[in-house]
Amino acid sequence: LIEWVRDTQTLKSVVTTEAVRANLGAGFMSELRQDYVEGMYKLAPEDGAKMYLRALKLAKYERQFVTNFRGVQQAVPADLLLRGVLSLCASPESYVTMRQRFATSLAV
């Protein structure tokens, strides 16, 4: 699932495509990202990477940081990636092969 290898998709595109199929809306992932960034900005009003670094350094905001992340995480259906990967597979055998190769590539 590496973008520059022919006939592959990034994990982001697999999840986004599945979100559209699940009738969550075409902008669902963008909206979640925007909500997350706005929550981070409230903790550390900086731009870009400086915002993340500052929010992480400020230990007093750790609870809000985790709460913000979990809120976005809970908005995404737990099986969204699984459904996306299953939609790429033509048969149960191809799913097992894809899962095995993916696990092997993570282990390396």
C-alpha atoms as a PDB file:
ATOM      1  CA  LEU A   1       0.000   0.000   0.000  1.00  0.00           C
ATOM      2  CA  ILE A   2       2.756   2.418  -0.931  1.00  0.00           C
ATOM      3  CA  GLU A   3       1.663   5.282  -3.159  1.00  0.00           C
ATOM      4  CA  TRP A   4       4.580   5.270  -5.584  1.00  0.00           C
ATOM      5  CA  VAL A   5       4.337   1.556  -6.401  1.00  0.00           C
ATOM      6  CA  ARG A   6       2.113   0.954  -9.427  1.00  0.00           C
ATOM      7  CA  ASP A   7      -1.487  -0.178  -8.782  1.00  0.00           C
ATOM      8  CA  THR A   8      -1.411   0.565  -5.042  1.00  0.00           C
ATOM      9  CA  GLN A   9      -3.176   2.994  -2.714  1.00  0.00           C
ATOM     10  CA  THR A  10      -2.124   4.786   0.428  1.00  0.00           C
ATOM     11  CA  LEU A  11      -3.826   3.849   3.699  1.00  0.00           C
ATOM     12  CA  LYS A  12      -5.325   7.329   3.759  1.00  0.00           C
ATOM     13  CA  SER A  13      -6.991   6.838   0.380  1.00  0.00           C
ATOM     14  CA  VAL A  14      -8.269   3.372   1.385  1.00  0.00           C
ATOM     15  CA  VAL A  15      -9.854   4.777   4.558  1.00  0.00           C
ATOM     16  CA  THR A  16     -11.218   7.867   2.790  1.00  0.00           C
ATOM     17  CA  THR A  17     -12.758   5.777   0.008  1.00  0.00           C
ATOM     18  CA  GLU A  18     -14.367   3.462   2.549  1.00  0.00           C
ATOM     19  CA  ALA A  19     -15.710   6.442   4.512  1.00  0.00           C
ATOM     20  CA  VAL A  20     -17.453   7.636   1.347  1.00  0.00           C
ATOM     21  CA  ARG A  21     -18.849   4.121   0.731  1.00  0.00           C
ATOM     22  CA  ALA A  22     -20.133   4.018   4.320  1.00  0.00           C
ATOM     23  CA  ASN A  23     -22.096   7.245   3.649  1.00  0.00           C
ATOM     24  CA  LEU A  24     -20.019   9.232   6.115  1.00  0.00           C
ATOM     25  CA  GLY A  25     -19.564  11.915   3.489  1.00  0.00           C
ATOM     26  CA  ALA A  26     -16.773  12.898   1.127  1.00  0.00           C
ATOM     27  CA  GLY A  27     -15.332  15.431   3.560  1.00  0.00           C
ATOM     28  CA  PHE A  28     -15.645  13.270   6.680  1.00  0.00           C
ATOM     29  CA  MET A  29     -11.909  12.712   7.161  1.00  0.00           C
ATOM     30  CA  SER A  30     -11.104  16.367   6.407  1.00  0.00           C
ATOM     31  CA  GLU A  31     -13.682  17.494   8.960  1.00  0.00           C
ATOM     32  CA  LEU A  32     -12.207  15.175  11.590  1.00  0.00           C
ATOM     33  CA  ARG A  33      -8.731  16.502  10.888  1.00  0.00           C
ATOM     34  CA  GLN A  34      -9.978  20.072  11.131  1.00  0.00           C
ATOM     35  CA  ASP A  35     -11.691  19.342  14.471  1.00  0.00           C
ATOM     36  CA  TYR A  36      -8.475  17.807  15.784  1.00  0.00           C
ATOM     37  CA  VAL A  37      -6.328  20.755  14.658  1.00  0.00           C
ATOM     38  CA  GLU A  38      -8.775  23.247  16.179  1.00  0.00           C
ATOM     39  CA  GLY A  39      -8.635  21.374  19.482  1.00  0.00           C
ATOM     40  CA  MET A  40      -4.837  21.438  19.370  1.00  0.00           C
ATOM     41  CA  TYR A  41      -4.818  25.138  18.489  1.00  0.00           C
ATOM     42  CA  LYS A  42      -6.838  25.898  21.631  1.00  0.00           C
ATOM     43  CA  LEU A  43      -4.114  24.219  23.698  1.00  0.00           C
ATOM     44  CA  ALA A  44      -1.167  25.819  21.912  1.00  0.00           C
ATOM     45  CA  PRO A  45      -1.974  28.715  19.574  1.00  0.00           C
ATOM     46  CA  GLU A  46       0.908  28.209  17.146  1.00  0.00           C
ATOM     47  CA  ASP A  47       1.039  27.235  13.477  1.00  0.00           C
ATOM     48  CA  GLY A  48       1.920  23.827  12.024  1.00  0.00           C
ATOM     49  CA  ALA A  49       4.440  21.609  13.754  1.00  0.00           C
ATOM     50  CA  LYS A  50       5.150  24.242  16.420  1.00  0.00           C
ATOM     51  CA  MET A  51       1.575  23.790  17.646  1.00  0.00           C
ATOM     52  CA  TYR A  52       2.027  20.034  18.137  1.00  0.00           C
ATOM     53  CA  LEU A  53       5.420  20.422  19.790  1.00  0.00           C
ATOM     54  CA  ARG A  54       4.211  23.088  22.191  1.00  0.00           C
ATOM     55  CA  ALA A  55       1.061  21.133  23.098  1.00  0.00           C
ATOM     56  CA  LEU A  56       3.100  18.008  23.776  1.00  0.00           C
ATOM     57  CA  LYS A  57       5.655  19.873  25.893  1.00  0.00           C
ATOM     58  CA  LEU A  58       3.008  21.412  28.116  1.00  0.00           C
ATOM     59  CA  ALA A  59       2.300  18.574  30.520  1.00  0.00           C
ATOM     60  CA  LYS A  60      -0.618  20.432  32.066  1.00  0.00           C
ATOM     61  CA  TYR A  61      -2.530  19.976  28.796  1.00  0.00           C
ATOM     62  CA  GLU A  62      -1.920  16.230  28.545  1.00  0.00           C
ATOM     63  CA  ARG A  63      -5.482  15.318  29.560  1.00  0.00           C
ATOM     64  CA  GLN A  64      -7.026  17.707  27.016  1.00  0.00           C
ATOM     65  CA  PHE A  65      -4.596  16.483  24.367  1.00  0.00           C
ATOM     66  CA  VAL A  66      -5.631  12.862  24.931  1.00  0.00           C
ATOM     67  CA  THR A  67      -9.320  13.786  25.159  1.00  0.00           C
ATOM     68  CA  ASN A  68      -9.084  15.675  21.867  1.00  0.00           C
ATOM     69  CA  PHE A  69      -7.431  12.704  20.148  1.00  0.00           C
ATOM     70  CA  ARG A  70      -9.891  10.165  21.576  1.00  0.00           C
ATOM     71  CA  GLY A  71     -12.836  12.274  20.462  1.00  0.00           C
ATOM     72  CA  VAL A  72     -11.616  12.154  16.869  1.00  0.00           C
ATOM     73  CA  GLN A  73     -10.708   8.480  17.196  1.00  0.00           C
ATOM     74  CA  GLN A  74     -14.194   7.555  18.426  1.00  0.00           C
ATOM     75  CA  ALA A  75     -15.829   9.368  15.514  1.00  0.00           C
ATOM     76  CA  VAL A  76     -14.201   6.931  13.061  1.00  0.00           C
ATOM     77  CA  PRO A  77     -15.915   3.527  12.835  1.00  0.00           C
ATOM     78  CA  ALA A  78     -13.600   0.886  14.325  1.00  0.00           C
ATOM     79  CA  ASP A  79     -13.810  -1.392  11.293  1.00  0.00           C
ATOM     80  CA  LEU A  80     -13.363   1.268   8.611  1.00  0.00           C
ATOM     81  CA  LEU A  81      -9.819   0.216   7.667  1.00  0.00           C
ATOM     82  CA  LEU A  82     -10.772  -3.466   7.719  1.00  0.00           C
ATOM     83  CA  ARG A  83     -13.694  -2.840   5.355  1.00  0.00           C
ATOM     84  CA  GLY A  84     -11.446  -0.822   3.074  1.00  0.00           C
ATOM     85  CA  VAL A  85      -8.837  -3.576   2.911  1.00  0.00           C
ATOM     86  CA  LEU A  86     -11.522  -6.206   2.336  1.00  0.00           C
ATOM     87  CA  SER A  87     -12.866  -4.188  -0.583  1.00  0.00           C
ATOM     88  CA  LEU A  88      -9.414  -4.385  -2.208  1.00  0.00           C
ATOM     89  CA  CYS A  89      -9.389  -8.184  -2.033  1.00  0.00           C
ATOM     90  CA  ALA A  90     -10.965 -10.365  -4.708  1.00  0.00           C
ATOM     91  CA  SER A  91     -11.188 -13.458  -2.493  1.00  0.00           C
ATOM     92  CA  PRO A  92     -10.622 -14.615   1.090  1.00  0.00           C
ATOM     93  CA  GLU A  93      -7.260 -16.032   0.020  1.00  0.00           C
ATOM     94  CA  SER A  94      -6.121 -12.677  -1.308  1.00  0.00           C
ATOM     95  CA  TYR A  95      -7.123 -11.063   2.001  1.00  0.00           C
ATOM     96  CA  VAL A  96      -5.008 -13.546   3.971  1.00  0.00           C
ATOM     97  CA  THR A  97      -2.070 -12.951   1.623  1.00  0.00           C
ATOM     98  CA  MET A  98      -2.428  -9.158   1.897  1.00  0.00           C
ATOM     99  CA  ARG A  99      -2.688  -9.326   5.682  1.00  0.00           C
ATOM    100  CA  GLN A 100       0.388 -11.551   5.905  1.00  0.00           C
ATOM    101  CA  ARG A 101       2.471  -9.263   3.678  1.00  0.00           C
ATOM    102  CA  PHE A 102       1.343  -6.182   5.556  1.00  0.00           C
ATOM    103  CA  ALA A 103       2.236  -7.744   8.920  1.00  0.00           C
ATOM    104  CA  THR A 104       5.600  -8.872   7.564  1.00  0.00           C
ATOM    105  CA  SER A 105       6.384  -5.393   6.240  1.00  0.00           C
ATOM    106  CA  LEU A 106       5.571  -3.862   9.648  1.00  0.00           C
ATOM    107  CA  ALA A 107       7.823  -6.352  11.413  1.00  0.00           C
ATOM    108  CA  VAL A 108      10.853  -5.465   9.286  1.00  0.00           C
END
